[in-house]
Amino acid sequence: MRHATSDRLDAIEPLLDQVRGIDGIVEKTRGHFYRGSRGCLHFHEDGDDLYADVRIDTDDFERVRVTTQAEQRRLVRRLRAAS
């Protein structure tokens, strides 16, 4: 599994735009988001699947699949609820 390439990030630009609109979350480099000084979200790809490493209420990242639009909506809901 590797970090998401620029092409894969292009494919999820609508998701990235939604995350950019969440209060308290800042994109330091494309596809790498922070709350304060701590990373809270970045993306990986594995074959045709895309995953988000997200840190919401813990010190550890949780890997969640975000290949489908439904999975992406779930991620955005979780991030908004934690804001």
Protein backbone atom coordinates (compact mmCIF):
# COMPACT_ATOMS: atom_id res chain seq x y z
CA MET A 1 0.00 0.00 0.00
CA ARG A 2 1.40 3.38 -0.95
CA HIS A 3 0.41 6.98 -0.44
CA ALA A 4 -2.15 8.14 -2.97
CA THR A 5 -0.67 9.54 -6.16
CA SER A 6 -1.60 12.90 -7.62
CA ASP A 7 -3.80 11.14 -10.20
CA ARG A 8 -5.74 9.32 -7.48
CA LEU A 9 -6.15 12.55 -5.53
CA ASP A 10 -7.48 14.16 -8.73
CA ALA A 11 -10.15 11.45 -8.83
CA ILE A 12 -11.36 12.31 -5.31
CA GLU A 13 -11.17 16.09 -5.62
CA PRO A 14 -14.86 16.46 -4.61
CA LEU A 15 -14.06 14.61 -1.36
CA LEU A 16 -11.00 16.77 -0.75
CA ASP A 17 -13.11 19.91 -1.30
CA GLN A 18 -15.61 18.72 1.32
CA VAL A 19 -12.84 18.07 3.84
CA ARG A 20 -11.33 21.50 3.13
CA GLY A 21 -14.66 23.02 4.16
CA ILE A 22 -14.71 21.46 7.63
CA ASP A 23 -13.91 23.92 10.42
CA GLY A 24 -10.66 23.22 12.22
CA ILE A 25 -9.14 21.05 9.48
CA VAL A 26 -6.33 22.49 7.35
CA GLU A 27 -4.67 20.97 4.30
CA LYS A 28 -0.89 21.41 4.71
CA THR A 29 0.02 19.59 1.51
CA ARG A 30 -2.38 18.17 -1.03
CA GLY A 31 -4.32 15.31 0.53
CA HIS A 32 -2.67 15.69 3.97
CA PHE A 33 -4.93 17.32 6.54
CA TYR A 34 -4.23 18.54 10.07
CA ARG A 35 -6.12 19.63 13.16
CA GLY A 36 -3.80 22.05 14.87
CA SER A 37 -0.31 20.60 14.68
CA ARG A 38 -1.44 16.95 14.41
CA GLY A 39 -2.09 15.09 11.21
CA CYS A 40 -5.65 13.82 11.08
CA LEU A 41 -6.14 12.53 7.53
CA HIS A 42 -4.19 11.29 4.53
CA PHE A 43 -4.80 8.79 1.74
CA HIS A 44 -3.37 5.51 0.47
CA GLU A 45 -4.07 3.39 -2.57
CA ASP A 46 -3.98 -0.36 -2.99
CA GLY A 47 -4.86 -1.55 -6.47
CA ASP A 48 -8.23 -0.07 -7.38
CA ASP A 49 -9.11 0.74 -3.78
CA LEU A 50 -8.50 3.98 -1.93
CA TYR A 51 -8.11 4.25 1.84
CA ALA A 52 -8.03 7.10 4.31
CA ASP A 53 -5.91 7.02 7.42
CA VAL A 54 -7.98 9.11 9.79
CA ARG A 55 -7.34 10.14 13.40
CA ILE A 56 -10.45 11.41 15.13
CA ASP A 57 -10.71 10.55 18.83
CA THR A 58 -7.51 8.58 19.43
CA ASP A 59 -3.76 8.88 19.16
CA ASP A 60 -3.69 6.26 16.41
CA PHE A 61 -4.77 6.43 12.80
CA GLU A 62 -7.64 4.20 11.68
CA ARG A 63 -7.59 3.01 8.08
CA VAL A 64 -10.99 3.18 6.36
CA ARG A 65 -11.86 2.41 2.79
CA VAL A 66 -13.07 5.41 0.75
CA THR A 67 -13.33 3.89 -2.71
CA THR A 68 -17.06 4.46 -3.14
CA GLN A 69 -19.04 7.67 -2.77
CA ALA A 70 -20.98 6.13 0.13
CA GLU A 71 -17.71 5.42 1.95
CA GLN A 72 -16.53 8.96 1.26
CA ARG A 73 -19.78 10.41 2.64
CA ARG A 74 -19.34 8.34 5.82
CA LEU A 75 -15.82 9.72 6.28
CA VAL A 76 -17.00 13.32 5.85
CA ARG A 77 -19.84 12.76 8.35
CA ARG A 78 -17.36 11.41 10.92
CA LEU A 79 -15.00 14.34 10.41
CA ARG A 80 -17.81 16.87 10.73
CA ALA A 81 -19.16 15.21 13.87
CA ALA A 82 -15.71 15.44 15.46
CA SER A 83 -15.29 19.17 14.69
